[in-house]
Amino acid sequence: MIGLPAGTRIWLAAGITDMRAGMNGLAVKVQTALAEDPYNGHVFVFRGRRGDMIKVLWWSGDGMCLLAKRLERGRFVWPQAADGSVTLTQAQLSMLLEGIDWRRPERTWRPQSAL
């Protein structure tokens, strides 16, 4: 993942997004559905109907960036709400991009004793 500047907020657009949309279409969705400014430097994440593809929209200060990722197996974990938005931390975004359930991350190994 690209290092984001401090103070950057990450927004998940709840519900389903048409993955045919490009930068301009997603920017309009940010303005209308999320009531945010797509040029404020924050990150906006959208998921398609099947759940195996997401698009990330980010204004880097000198241009709009669009990242698309499709999982070969599995689905991206998404909020159940049909509209609105959810904020994530950068760590949660990293987990989301890896296909990990960012809502309840669990350690797979726990140290028992140093002896």
PDB file of N, CA and C in Angstrom:
ATOM      1  N   MET A   1       0.845  -1.181   0.000  1.00  0.00           N
ATOM      2  CA  MET A   1       0.000   0.000   0.000  1.00  0.00           C
ATOM      3  C   MET A   1       0.885   1.237   0.000  1.00  0.00           C
ATOM      4  N   ILE A   2       0.440   2.252  -0.663  1.00  0.00           N
ATOM      5  CA  ILE A   2       1.137   3.528  -0.716  1.00  0.00           C
ATOM      6  C   ILE A   2       1.037   4.190   0.654  1.00  0.00           C
ATOM      7  N   GLY A   3       2.146   4.757   1.126  1.00  0.00           N
ATOM      8  CA  GLY A   3       2.124   5.449   2.411  1.00  0.00           C
ATOM      9  C   GLY A   3       1.251   6.687   2.329  1.00  0.00           C
ATOM     10  N   LEU A   4       0.279   6.762   3.206  1.00  0.00           N
ATOM     11  CA  LEU A   4      -0.639   7.898   3.210  1.00  0.00           C
ATOM     12  C   LEU A   4      -0.165   8.949   4.200  1.00  0.00           C
ATOM     13  N   PRO A   5      -0.384  10.218   3.897  1.00  0.00           N
ATOM     14  CA  PRO A   5       0.009  11.278   4.821  1.00  0.00           C
ATOM     15  C   PRO A   5      -0.745  11.164   6.147  1.00  0.00           C
ATOM     16  N   ALA A   6      -0.149  11.662   7.208  1.00  0.00           N
ATOM     17  CA  ALA A   6      -0.800  11.658   8.518  1.00  0.00           C
ATOM     18  C   ALA A   6      -2.101  12.450   8.436  1.00  0.00           C
ATOM     19  N   GLY A   7      -3.110  11.972   9.112  1.00  0.00           N
ATOM     20  CA  GLY A   7      -4.397  12.657   9.121  1.00  0.00           C
ATOM     21  C   GLY A   7      -5.328  12.247   7.994  1.00  0.00           C
ATOM     22  N   THR A   8      -4.875  11.365   7.131  1.00  0.00           N
ATOM     23  CA  THR A   8      -5.724  10.899   6.035  1.00  0.00           C
ATOM     24  C   THR A   8      -6.780   9.960   6.595  1.00  0.00           C
ATOM     25  N   ARG A   9      -8.020  10.219   6.263  1.00  0.00           N
ATOM     26  CA  ARG A   9      -9.119   9.346   6.700  1.00  0.00           C
ATOM     27  C   ARG A   9      -9.454   8.377   5.579  1.00  0.00           C
ATOM     28  N   ILE A  10      -9.922   7.210   5.958  1.00  0.00           N
ATOM     29  CA  ILE A  10     -10.262   6.159   4.993  1.00  0.00           C
ATOM     30  C   ILE A  10     -11.739   5.844   5.171  1.00  0.00           C
ATOM     31  N   TRP A  11     -12.488   5.950   4.087  1.00  0.00           N
ATOM     32  CA  TRP A  11     -13.932   5.752   4.110  1.00  0.00           C
ATOM     33  C   TRP A  11     -14.315   4.565   3.243  1.00  0.00           C
ATOM     34  N   LEU A  12     -15.118   3.656   3.788  1.00  0.00           N
ATOM     35  CA  LEU A  12     -15.730   2.587   3.002  1.00  0.00           C
ATOM     36  C   LEU A  12     -17.116   3.061   2.606  1.00  0.00           C
ATOM     37  N   ALA A  13     -17.435   2.977   1.334  1.00  0.00           N
ATOM     38  CA  ALA A  13     -18.778   3.306   0.876  1.00  0.00           C
ATOM     39  C   ALA A  13     -19.639   2.061   1.041  1.00  0.00           C
ATOM     40  N   ALA A  14     -20.542   2.068   2.014  1.00  0.00           N
ATOM     41  CA  ALA A  14     -21.390   0.907   2.264  1.00  0.00           C
ATOM     42  C   ALA A  14     -22.293   0.663   1.064  1.00  0.00           C
ATOM     43  N   GLY A  15     -22.714  -0.568   0.911  1.00  0.00           N
ATOM     44  CA  GLY A  15     -23.568  -0.929  -0.206  1.00  0.00           C
ATOM     45  C   GLY A  15     -22.760  -1.390  -1.400  1.00  0.00           C
ATOM     46  N   ILE A  16     -23.428  -1.470  -2.533  1.00  0.00           N
ATOM     47  CA  ILE A  16     -22.828  -1.997  -3.763  1.00  0.00           C
ATOM     48  C   ILE A  16     -22.542  -0.860  -4.721  1.00  0.00           C
ATOM     49  N   THR A  17     -21.396  -0.916  -5.371  1.00  0.00           N
ATOM     50  CA  THR A  17     -20.997   0.077  -6.358  1.00  0.00           C
ATOM     51  C   THR A  17     -20.804  -0.614  -7.705  1.00  0.00           C
ATOM     52  N   ASP A  18     -21.216   0.052  -8.766  1.00  0.00           N
ATOM     53  CA  ASP A  18     -21.004  -0.455 -10.119  1.00  0.00           C
ATOM     54  C   ASP A  18     -19.511  -0.361 -10.426  1.00  0.00           C
ATOM     55  N   MET A  19     -18.857  -1.492 -10.584  1.00  0.00           N
ATOM     56  CA  MET A  19     -17.407  -1.508 -10.802  1.00  0.00           C
ATOM     57  C   MET A  19     -17.002  -1.058 -12.197  1.00  0.00           C
ATOM     58  N   ARG A  20     -17.961  -0.736 -13.061  1.00  0.00           N
ATOM     59  CA  ARG A  20     -17.627  -0.156 -14.365  1.00  0.00           C
ATOM     60  C   ARG A  20     -17.258   1.316 -14.220  1.00  0.00           C
ATOM     61  N   ALA A  21     -17.592   1.920 -13.079  1.00  0.00           N
ATOM     62  CA  ALA A  21     -17.325   3.344 -12.843  1.00  0.00           C
ATOM     63  C   ALA A  21     -15.818   3.592 -12.766  1.00  0.00           C
ATOM     64  N   GLY A  22     -15.414   4.690 -13.348  1.00  0.00           N
ATOM     65  CA  GLY A  22     -14.016   5.105 -13.301  1.00  0.00           C
ATOM     66  C   GLY A  22     -13.818   6.205 -12.281  1.00  0.00           C
ATOM     67  N   MET A  23     -12.738   6.961 -12.428  1.00  0.00           N
ATOM     68  CA  MET A  23     -12.422   8.026 -11.470  1.00  0.00           C
ATOM     69  C   MET A  23     -13.547   9.043 -11.342  1.00  0.00           C
ATOM     70  N   ASN A  24     -14.048   9.521 -12.480  1.00  0.00           N
ATOM     71  CA  ASN A  24     -15.078  10.560 -12.433  1.00  0.00           C
ATOM     72  C   ASN A  24     -16.382  10.044 -11.826  1.00  0.00           C
ATOM     73  N   GLY A  25     -16.796   8.841 -12.201  1.00  0.00           N
ATOM     74  CA  GLY A  25     -18.025   8.274 -11.664  1.00  0.00           C
ATOM     75  C   GLY A  25     -17.933   8.031 -10.162  1.00  0.00           C
ATOM     76  N   LEU A  26     -16.798   7.549  -9.705  1.00  0.00           N
ATOM     77  CA  LEU A  26     -16.611   7.318  -8.271  1.00  0.00           C
ATOM     78  C   LEU A  26     -16.525   8.646  -7.513  1.00  0.00           C
ATOM     79  N   ALA A  27     -15.897   9.649  -8.114  1.00  0.00           N
ATOM     80  CA  ALA A  27     -15.819  10.972  -7.475  1.00  0.00           C
ATOM     81  C   ALA A  27     -17.220  11.559  -7.299  1.00  0.00           C
ATOM     82  N   VAL A  28     -18.085  11.368  -8.291  1.00  0.00           N
ATOM     83  CA  VAL A  28     -19.471  11.836  -8.174  1.00  0.00           C
ATOM     84  C   VAL A  28     -20.182  11.090  -7.050  1.00  0.00           C
ATOM     85  N   LYS A  29     -19.938   9.780  -6.929  1.00  0.00           N
ATOM     86  CA  LYS A  29     -20.560   9.003  -5.848  1.00  0.00           C
ATOM     87  C   LYS A  29     -20.085   9.496  -4.478  1.00  0.00           C
ATOM     88  N   VAL A  30     -18.809   9.861  -4.374  1.00  0.00           N
ATOM     89  CA  VAL A  30     -18.291  10.417  -3.114  1.00  0.00           C
ATOM     90  C   VAL A  30     -19.054  11.688  -2.762  1.00  0.00           C
ATOM     91  N   GLN A  31     -19.279  12.547  -3.752  1.00  0.00           N
ATOM     92  CA  GLN A  31     -19.979  13.809  -3.504  1.00  0.00           C
ATOM     93  C   GLN A  31     -21.450  13.609  -3.179  1.00  0.00           C
ATOM     94  N   THR A  32     -22.128  12.729  -3.907  1.00  0.00           N
ATOM     95  CA  THR A  32     -23.573  12.596  -3.737  1.00  0.00           C
ATOM     96  C   THR A  32     -23.938  11.638  -2.606  1.00  0.00           C
ATOM     97  N   ALA A  33     -23.423  10.427  -2.624  1.00  0.00           N
ATOM     98  CA  ALA A  33     -23.829   9.407  -1.651  1.00  0.00           C
ATOM     99  C   ALA A  33     -23.156   9.589  -0.300  1.00  0.00           C
ATOM    100  N   LEU A  34     -21.897  10.020  -0.294  1.00  0.00           N
ATOM    101  CA  LEU A  34     -21.159  10.144   0.960  1.00  0.00           C
ATOM    102  C   LEU A  34     -21.101  11.578   1.484  1.00  0.00           C
ATOM    103  N   ALA A  35     -21.505  12.551   0.667  1.00  0.00           N
ATOM    104  CA  ALA A  35     -21.473  13.972   1.023  1.00  0.00           C
ATOM    105  C   ALA A  35     -20.079  14.409   1.458  1.00  0.00           C
ATOM    106  N   GLU A  36     -19.063  13.934   0.740  1.00  0.00           N
ATOM    107  CA  GLU A  36     -17.666  14.300   1.004  1.00  0.00           C
ATOM    108  C   GLU A  36     -17.063  14.911  -0.254  1.00  0.00           C
ATOM    109  N   ASP A  37     -15.933  15.570  -0.084  1.00  0.00           N
ATOM    110  CA  ASP A  37     -15.197  16.149  -1.204  1.00  0.00           C
ATOM    111  C   ASP A  37     -14.148  15.139  -1.659  1.00  0.00           C
ATOM    112  N   PRO A  38     -14.223  14.638  -2.896  1.00  0.00           N
ATOM    113  CA  PRO A  38     -13.249  13.640  -3.343  1.00  0.00           C
ATOM    114  C   PRO A  38     -11.835  14.196  -3.499  1.00  0.00           C
ATOM    115  N   TYR A  39     -11.690  15.516  -3.472  1.00  0.00           N
ATOM    116  CA  TYR A  39     -10.388  16.157  -3.643  1.00  0.00           C
ATOM    117  C   TYR A  39      -9.796  16.632  -2.319  1.00  0.00           C
ATOM    118  N   ASN A  40     -10.250  16.073  -1.188  1.00  0.00           N
ATOM    119  CA  ASN A  40      -9.751  16.510   0.119  1.00  0.00           C
ATOM    120  C   ASN A  40      -8.561  15.687   0.606  1.00  0.00           C
ATOM    121  N   GLY A  41      -8.120  14.703  -0.164  1.00  0.00           N
ATOM    122  CA  GLY A  41      -6.958  13.913   0.224  1.00  0.00           C
ATOM    123  C   GLY A  41      -7.288  12.657   0.999  1.00  0.00           C
ATOM    124  N   HIS A  42      -8.562  12.421   1.284  1.00  0.00           N
ATOM    125  CA  HIS A  42      -8.959  11.213   1.982  1.00  0.00           C
ATOM    126  C   HIS A  42      -9.096  10.061   0.987  1.00  0.00           C
ATOM    127  N   VAL A  43      -9.183   8.850   1.492  1.00  0.00           N
ATOM    128  CA  VAL A  43      -9.261   7.642   0.681  1.00  0.00           C
ATOM    129  C   VAL A  43     -10.694   7.117   0.733  1.00  0.00           C
ATOM    130  N   PHE A  44     -11.229   6.726  -0.418  1.00  0.00           N
ATOM    131  CA  PHE A  44     -12.591   6.205  -0.511  1.00  0.00           C
ATOM    132  C   PHE A  44     -12.532   4.830  -1.169  1.00  0.00           C
ATOM    133  N   VAL A  45     -13.172   3.847  -0.516  1.00  0.00           N
ATOM    134  CA  VAL A  45     -13.102   2.459  -0.974  1.00  0.00           C
ATOM    135  C   VAL A  45     -14.504   1.992  -1.341  1.00  0.00           C
ATOM    136  N   PHE A  46     -14.621   1.325  -2.501  1.00  0.00           N
ATOM    137  CA  PHE A  46     -15.895   0.856  -3.032  1.00  0.00           C
ATOM    138  C   PHE A  46     -15.795  -0.630  -3.345  1.00  0.00           C
ATOM    139  N   ARG A  47     -16.913  -1.371  -3.171  1.00  0.00           N
ATOM    140  CA  ARG A  47     -16.936  -2.803  -3.463  1.00  0.00           C
ATOM    141  C   ARG A  47     -18.040  -3.112  -4.452  1.00  0.00           C
ATOM    142  N   GLY A  48     -17.767  -4.061  -5.335  1.00  0.00           N
ATOM    143  CA  GLY A  48     -18.738  -4.481  -6.333  1.00  0.00           C
ATOM    144  C   GLY A  48     -19.747  -5.474  -5.782  1.00  0.00           C
ATOM    145  N   ARG A  49     -20.699  -5.848  -6.620  1.00  0.00           N
ATOM    146  CA  ARG A  49     -21.796  -6.733  -6.227  1.00  0.00           C
ATOM    147  C   ARG A  49     -21.323  -8.113  -5.792  1.00  0.00           C
ATOM    148  N   ARG A  50     -20.405  -8.723  -6.522  1.00  0.00           N
ATOM    149  CA  ARG A  50     -19.946 -10.069  -6.189  1.00  0.00           C
ATOM    150  C   ARG A  50     -19.056 -10.086  -4.947  1.00  0.00           C
ATOM    151  N   GLY A  51     -18.463  -8.955  -4.604  1.00  0.00           N
ATOM    152  CA  GLY A  51     -17.654  -8.876  -3.396  1.00  0.00           C
ATOM    153  C   GLY A  51     -16.203  -9.259  -3.572  1.00  0.00           C
ATOM    154  N   ASP A  52     -15.809  -9.625  -4.783  1.00  0.00           N
ATOM    155  CA  ASP A  52     -14.420 -10.031  -4.995  1.00  0.00           C
ATOM    156  C   ASP A  52     -13.566  -8.908  -5.570  1.00  0.00           C
ATOM    157  N   MET A  53     -14.167  -7.729  -5.779  1.00  0.00           N
ATOM    158  CA  MET A  53     -13.422  -6.612  -6.363  1.00  0.00           C
ATOM    159  C   MET A  53     -13.699  -5.333  -5.592  1.00  0.00           C
ATOM    160  N   ILE A  54     -12.631  -4.562  -5.361  1.00  0.00           N
ATOM    161  CA  ILE A  54     -12.777  -3.234  -4.759  1.00  0.00           C
ATOM    162  C   ILE A  54     -12.021  -2.221  -5.606  1.00  0.00           C
ATOM    163  N   LYS A  55     -12.430  -0.972  -5.477  1.00  0.00           N
ATOM    164  CA  LYS A  55     -11.719   0.146  -6.084  1.00  0.00           C
ATOM    165  C   LYS A  55     -11.458   1.171  -4.989  1.00  0.00           C
ATOM    166  N   VAL A  56     -10.265   1.738  -5.010  1.00  0.00           N
ATOM    167  CA  VAL A  56      -9.838   2.737  -4.034  1.00  0.00           C
ATOM    168  C   VAL A  56      -9.567   4.033  -4.781  1.00  0.00           C
ATOM    169  N   LEU A  57     -10.205   5.116  -4.345  1.00  0.00           N
ATOM    170  CA  LEU A  57     -10.055   6.430  -4.965  1.00  0.00           C
ATOM    171  C   LEU A  57      -9.346   7.342  -3.980  1.00  0.00           C
ATOM    172  N   TRP A  58      -8.310   8.041  -4.460  1.00  0.00           N
ATOM    173  CA  TRP A  58      -7.519   8.911  -3.576  1.00  0.00           C
ATOM    174  C   TRP A  58      -6.941  10.070  -4.366  1.00  0.00           C
ATOM    175  N   TRP A  59      -7.141  11.273  -3.857  1.00  0.00           N
ATOM    176  CA  TRP A  59      -6.529  12.473  -4.431  1.00  0.00           C
ATOM    177  C   TRP A  59      -5.196  12.672  -3.742  1.00  0.00           C
ATOM    178  N   SER A  60      -4.093  12.576  -4.492  1.00  0.00           N
ATOM    179  CA  SER A  60      -2.757  12.634  -3.902  1.00  0.00           C
ATOM    180  C   SER A  60      -2.212  14.049  -3.773  1.00  0.00           C
ATOM    181  N   GLY A  61      -2.976  15.027  -4.199  1.00  0.00           N
ATOM    182  CA  GLY A  61      -2.523  16.414  -4.129  1.00  0.00           C
ATOM    183  C   GLY A  61      -2.234  16.986  -5.497  1.00  0.00           C
ATOM    184  N   ASP A  62      -1.808  16.128  -6.417  1.00  0.00           N
ATOM    185  CA  ASP A  62      -1.544  16.602  -7.778  1.00  0.00           C
ATOM    186  C   ASP A  62      -2.260  15.766  -8.829  1.00  0.00           C
ATOM    187  N   GLY A  63      -3.046  14.785  -8.389  1.00  0.00           N
ATOM    188  CA  GLY A  63      -3.803  13.963  -9.325  1.00  0.00           C
ATOM    189  C   GLY A  63      -4.628  12.919  -8.598  1.00  0.00           C
ATOM    190  N   MET A  64      -5.622  12.419  -9.310  1.00  0.00           N
ATOM    191  CA  MET A  64      -6.506  11.395  -8.756  1.00  0.00           C
ATOM    192  C   MET A  64      -5.889  10.027  -9.017  1.00  0.00           C
ATOM    193  N   CYS A  65      -5.881   9.175  -7.982  1.00  0.00           N
ATOM    194  CA  CYS A  65      -5.359   7.813  -8.090  1.00  0.00           C
ATOM    195  C   CYS A  65      -6.523   6.834  -7.968  1.00  0.00           C
ATOM    196  N   LEU A  66      -6.487   5.790  -8.787  1.00  0.00           N
ATOM    197  CA  LEU A  66      -7.513   4.752  -8.738  1.00  0.00           C
ATOM    198  C   LEU A  66      -6.819   3.403  -8.698  1.00  0.00           C
ATOM    199  N   LEU A  67      -7.060   2.670  -7.609  1.00  0.00           N
ATOM    200  CA  LEU A  67      -6.507   1.332  -7.449  1.00  0.00           C
ATOM    201  C   LEU A  67      -7.661   0.356  -7.512  1.00  0.00           C
ATOM    202  N   ALA A  68      -7.507  -0.690  -8.292  1.00  0.00           N
ATOM    203  CA  ALA A  68      -8.508  -1.754  -8.352  1.00  0.00           C
ATOM    204  C   ALA A  68      -7.841  -3.062  -7.947  1.00  0.00           C
ATOM    205  N   LYS A  69      -8.555  -3.867  -7.146  1.00  0.00           N
ATOM    206  CA  LYS A  69      -8.027  -5.166  -6.751  1.00  0.00           C
ATOM    207  C   LYS A  69      -9.146  -6.189  -6.809  1.00  0.00           C
ATOM    208  N   ARG A  70      -8.847  -7.339  -7.414  1.00  0.00           N
ATOM    209  CA  ARG A  70      -9.784  -8.453  -7.464  1.00  0.00           C
ATOM    210  C   ARG A  70      -9.144  -9.647  -6.785  1.00  0.00           C
ATOM    211  N   LEU A  71      -9.848 -10.231  -5.821  1.00  0.00           N
ATOM    212  CA  LEU A  71      -9.355 -11.430  -5.161  1.00  0.00           C
ATOM    213  C   LEU A  71      -9.626 -12.638  -6.054  1.00  0.00           C
ATOM    214  N   GLU A  72      -8.654 -13.495  -6.184  1.00  0.00           N
ATOM    215  CA  GLU A  72      -8.837 -14.710  -6.963  1.00  0.00           C
ATOM    216  C   GLU A  72      -9.691 -15.720  -6.211  1.00  0.00           C
ATOM    217  N   ARG A  73      -9.617 -15.697  -4.878  1.00  0.00           N
ATOM    218  CA  ARG A  73     -10.426 -16.567  -4.030  1.00  0.00           C
ATOM    219  C   ARG A  73     -10.914 -15.755  -2.852  1.00  0.00           C
ATOM    220  N   GLY A  74     -12.161 -15.962  -2.458  1.00  0.00           N
ATOM    221  CA  GLY A  74     -12.712 -15.268  -1.306  1.00  0.00           C
ATOM    222  C   GLY A  74     -13.394 -13.966  -1.675  1.00  0.00           C
ATOM    223  N   ARG A  75     -13.832 -13.263  -0.661  1.00  0.00           N
ATOM    224  CA  ARG A  75     -14.554 -11.999  -0.801  1.00  0.00           C
ATOM    225  C   ARG A  75     -13.998 -10.977   0.176  1.00  0.00           C
ATOM    226  N   PHE A  76     -14.138  -9.722  -0.183  1.00  0.00           N
ATOM    227  CA  PHE A  76     -13.759  -8.634   0.722  1.00  0.00           C
ATOM    228  C   PHE A  76     -14.846  -8.484   1.778  1.00  0.00           C
ATOM    229  N   VAL A  77     -14.453  -8.337   3.046  1.00  0.00           N
ATOM    230  CA  VAL A  77     -15.401  -8.162   4.145  1.00  0.00           C
ATOM    231  C   VAL A  77     -15.944  -6.739   4.074  1.00  0.00           C
ATOM    232  N   TRP A  78     -17.273  -6.620   4.136  1.00  0.00           N
ATOM    233  CA  TRP A  78     -17.916  -5.324   3.938  1.00  0.00           C
ATOM    234  C   TRP A  78     -19.026  -5.124   4.959  1.00  0.00           C
ATOM    235  N   PRO A  79     -19.312  -3.869   5.347  1.00  0.00           N
ATOM    236  CA  PRO A  79     -20.414  -3.611   6.282  1.00  0.00           C
ATOM    237  C   PRO A  79     -21.759  -4.062   5.694  1.00  0.00           C
ATOM    238  N   GLN A  80     -22.706  -4.426   6.552  1.00  0.00           N
ATOM    239  CA  GLN A  80     -24.018  -4.889   6.109  1.00  0.00           C
ATOM    240  C   GLN A  80     -24.936  -3.757   5.658  1.00  0.00           C
ATOM    241  N   ALA A  81     -24.632  -2.525   6.038  1.00  0.00           N
ATOM    242  CA  ALA A  81     -25.496  -1.385   5.696  1.00  0.00           C
ATOM    243  C   ALA A  81     -25.604  -1.214   4.184  1.00  0.00           C
ATOM    244  N   ALA A  82     -26.758  -0.743   3.737  1.00  0.00           N
ATOM    245  CA  ALA A  82     -26.993  -0.546   2.304  1.00  0.00           C
ATOM    246  C   ALA A  82     -26.486   0.808   1.818  1.00  0.00           C
ATOM    247  N   ASP A  83     -26.340   1.767   2.720  1.00  0.00           N
ATOM    248  CA  ASP A  83     -25.819   3.077   2.317  1.00  0.00           C
ATOM    249  C   ASP A  83     -25.059   3.697   3.477  1.00  0.00           C
ATOM    250  N   GLY A  84     -24.438   4.843   3.222  1.00  0.00           N
ATOM    251  CA  GLY A  84     -23.624   5.503   4.227  1.00  0.00           C
ATOM    252  C   GLY A  84     -22.160   5.123   4.084  1.00  0.00           C
ATOM    253  N   SER A  85     -21.402   5.340   5.145  1.00  0.00           N
ATOM    254  CA  SER A  85     -19.973   5.062   5.091  1.00  0.00           C
ATOM    255  C   SER A  85     -19.466   4.608   6.452  1.00  0.00           C
ATOM    256  N   VAL A  86     -18.295   3.982   6.425  1.00  0.00           N
ATOM    257  CA  VAL A  86     -17.612   3.500   7.622  1.00  0.00           C
ATOM    258  C   VAL A  86     -16.174   3.972   7.522  1.00  0.00           C
ATOM    259  N   THR A  87     -15.590   4.420   8.632  1.00  0.00           N
ATOM    260  CA  THR A  87     -14.189   4.821   8.607  1.00  0.00           C
ATOM    261  C   THR A  87     -13.312   3.665   9.059  1.00  0.00           C
ATOM    262  N   LEU A  88     -12.120   3.595   8.468  1.00  0.00           N
ATOM    263  CA  LEU A  88     -11.128   2.577   8.802  1.00  0.00           C
ATOM    264  C   LEU A  88      -9.818   3.241   9.173  1.00  0.00           C
ATOM    265  N   THR A  89      -8.982   2.506   9.885  1.00  0.00           N
ATOM    266  CA  THR A  89      -7.604   2.934  10.114  1.00  0.00           C
ATOM    267  C   THR A  89      -6.760   2.426   8.946  1.00  0.00           C
ATOM    268  N   GLN A  90      -5.521   2.894   8.865  1.00  0.00           N
ATOM    269  CA  GLN A  90      -4.639   2.404   7.800  1.00  0.00           C
ATOM    270  C   GLN A  90      -4.347   0.922   7.975  1.00  0.00           C
ATOM    271  N   ALA A  91      -4.250   0.456   9.223  1.00  0.00           N
ATOM    272  CA  ALA A  91      -4.019  -0.969   9.473  1.00  0.00           C
ATOM    273  C   ALA A  91      -5.216  -1.794   9.006  1.00  0.00           C
ATOM    274  N   GLN A  92      -6.432  -1.314   9.268  1.00  0.00           N
ATOM    275  CA  GLN A  92      -7.626  -2.022   8.816  1.00  0.00           C
ATOM    276  C   GLN A  92      -7.708  -2.046   7.294  1.00  0.00           C
ATOM    277  N   LEU A  93      -7.312  -0.954   6.645  1.00  0.00           N
ATOM    278  CA  LEU A  93      -7.299  -0.931   5.183  1.00  0.00           C
ATOM    279  C   LEU A  93      -6.317  -1.956   4.645  1.00  0.00           C
ATOM    280  N   SER A  94      -5.153  -2.067   5.255  1.00  0.00           N
ATOM    281  CA  SER A  94      -4.177  -3.068   4.830  1.00  0.00           C
ATOM    282  C   SER A  94      -4.744  -4.468   4.954  1.00  0.00           C
ATOM    283  N   MET A  95      -5.448  -4.737   6.054  1.00  0.00           N
ATOM    284  CA  MET A  95      -6.068  -6.054   6.224  1.00  0.00           C
ATOM    285  C   MET A  95      -7.146  -6.286   5.176  1.00  0.00           C
ATOM    286  N   LEU A  96      -7.957  -5.274   4.927  1.00  0.00           N
ATOM    287  CA  LEU A  96      -9.004  -5.382   3.913  1.00  0.00           C
ATOM    288  C   LEU A  96      -8.411  -5.736   2.557  1.00  0.00           C
ATOM    289  N   LEU A  97      -7.340  -5.043   2.180  1.00  0.00           N
ATOM    290  CA  LEU A  97      -6.711  -5.296   0.879  1.00  0.00           C
ATOM    291  C   LEU A  97      -6.117  -6.692   0.775  1.00  0.00           C
ATOM    292  N   GLU A  98      -5.787  -7.293   1.904  1.00  0.00           N
ATOM    293  CA  GLU A  98      -5.248  -8.657   1.917  1.00  0.00           C
ATOM    294  C   GLU A  98      -6.348  -9.712   2.003  1.00  0.00           C
ATOM    295  N   GLY A  99      -7.606  -9.279   2.111  1.00  0.00           N
ATOM    296  CA  GLY A  99      -8.707 -10.222   2.217  1.00  0.00           C
ATOM    297  C   GLY A  99      -8.941 -10.720   3.623  1.00  0.00           C
ATOM    298  N   ILE A 100      -8.394 -10.025   4.621  1.00  0.00           N
ATOM    299  CA  ILE A 100      -8.539 -10.405   6.024  1.00  0.00           C
ATOM    300  C   ILE A 100      -9.764  -9.696   6.603  1.00  0.00           C
ATOM    301  N   ASP A 101     -10.474 -10.355   7.503  1.00  0.00           N
ATOM    302  CA  ASP A 101     -11.619  -9.739   8.174  1.00  0.00           C
ATOM    303  C   ASP A 101     -11.108  -8.643   9.107  1.00  0.00           C
ATOM    304  N   TRP A 102     -11.196  -7.408   8.703  1.00  0.00           N
ATOM    305  CA  TRP A 102     -10.667  -6.275   9.445  1.00  0.00           C
ATOM    306  C   TRP A 102     -11.501  -5.954  10.678  1.00  0.00           C
ATOM    307  N   ARG A 103     -12.731  -6.509  10.776  1.00  0.00           N
ATOM    308  CA  ARG A 103     -13.589  -6.206  11.922  1.00  0.00           C
ATOM    309  C   ARG A 103     -13.164  -6.955  13.174  1.00  0.00           C
ATOM    310  N   ARG A 104     -12.667  -8.198  13.017  1.00  0.00           N
ATOM    311  CA  ARG A 104     -12.285  -9.029  14.154  1.00  0.00           C
ATOM    312  C   ARG A 104     -10.970  -9.745  13.877  1.00  0.00           C
ATOM    313  N   PRO A 105      -9.879  -9.008  13.726  1.00  0.00           N
ATOM    314  CA  PRO A 105      -8.613  -9.722  13.487  1.00  0.00           C
ATOM    315  C   PRO A 105      -8.209 -10.537  14.705  1.00  0.00           C
ATOM    316  N   GLU A 106      -7.741 -11.737  14.473  1.00  0.00           N
ATOM    317  CA  GLU A 106      -7.318 -12.610  15.559  1.00  0.00           C
ATOM    318  C   GLU A 106      -5.897 -13.086  15.309  1.00  0.00           C
ATOM    319  N   ARG A 107      -5.157 -13.198  16.371  1.00  0.00           N
ATOM    320  CA  ARG A 107      -3.814 -13.753  16.261  1.00  0.00           C
ATOM    321  C   ARG A 107      -3.921 -15.256  16.067  1.00  0.00           C
ATOM    322  N   THR A 108      -3.059 -15.784  15.244  1.00  0.00           N
ATOM    323  CA  THR A 108      -3.078 -17.242  15.012  1.00  0.00           C
ATOM    324  C   THR A 108      -2.170 -17.976  15.979  1.00  0.00           C
ATOM    325  N   TRP A 109      -1.325 -17.237  16.676  1.00  0.00           N
ATOM    326  CA  TRP A 109      -0.394 -17.845  17.614  1.00  0.00           C
ATOM    327  C   TRP A 109      -0.263 -16.938  18.810  1.00  0.00           C
ATOM    328  N   ARG A 110      -0.269 -17.534  19.982  1.00  0.00           N
ATOM    329  CA  ARG A 110      -0.124 -16.763  21.215  1.00  0.00           C
ATOM    330  C   ARG A 110       0.999 -17.372  22.034  1.00  0.00           C
ATOM    331  N   PRO A 111       1.972 -16.567  22.468  1.00  0.00           N
ATOM    332  CA  PRO A 111       3.067 -17.116  23.272  1.00  0.00           C
ATOM    333  C   PRO A 111       2.548 -17.661  24.598  1.00  0.00           C
ATOM    334  N   GLN A 112       3.073 -18.799  25.018  1.00  0.00           N
ATOM    335  CA  GLN A 112       2.640 -19.438  26.254  1.00  0.00           C
ATOM    336  C   GLN A 112       3.538 -19.039  27.427  1.00  0.00           C
ATOM    337  N   SER A 113       4.824 -19.293  27.282  1.00  0.00           N
ATOM    338  CA  SER A 113       5.742 -19.036  28.374  1.00  0.00           C
ATOM    339  C   SER A 113       7.138 -18.841  27.801  1.00  0.00           C
ATOM    340  N   ALA A 114       7.922 -18.053  28.465  1.00  0.00           N
ATOM    341  CA  ALA A 114       9.300 -17.826  28.033  1.00  0.00           C
ATOM    342  C   ALA A 114      10.209 -18.974  28.452  1.00  0.00           C
ATOM    343  N   LEU A 115       9.744 -19.859  29.306  1.00  0.00           N
ATOM    344  CA  LEU A 115      10.565 -20.983  29.796  1.00  0.00           C
ATOM    345  C   LEU A 115      10.419 -22.202  28.943  1.00  0.00           C
TER     346      LEU A 115
END
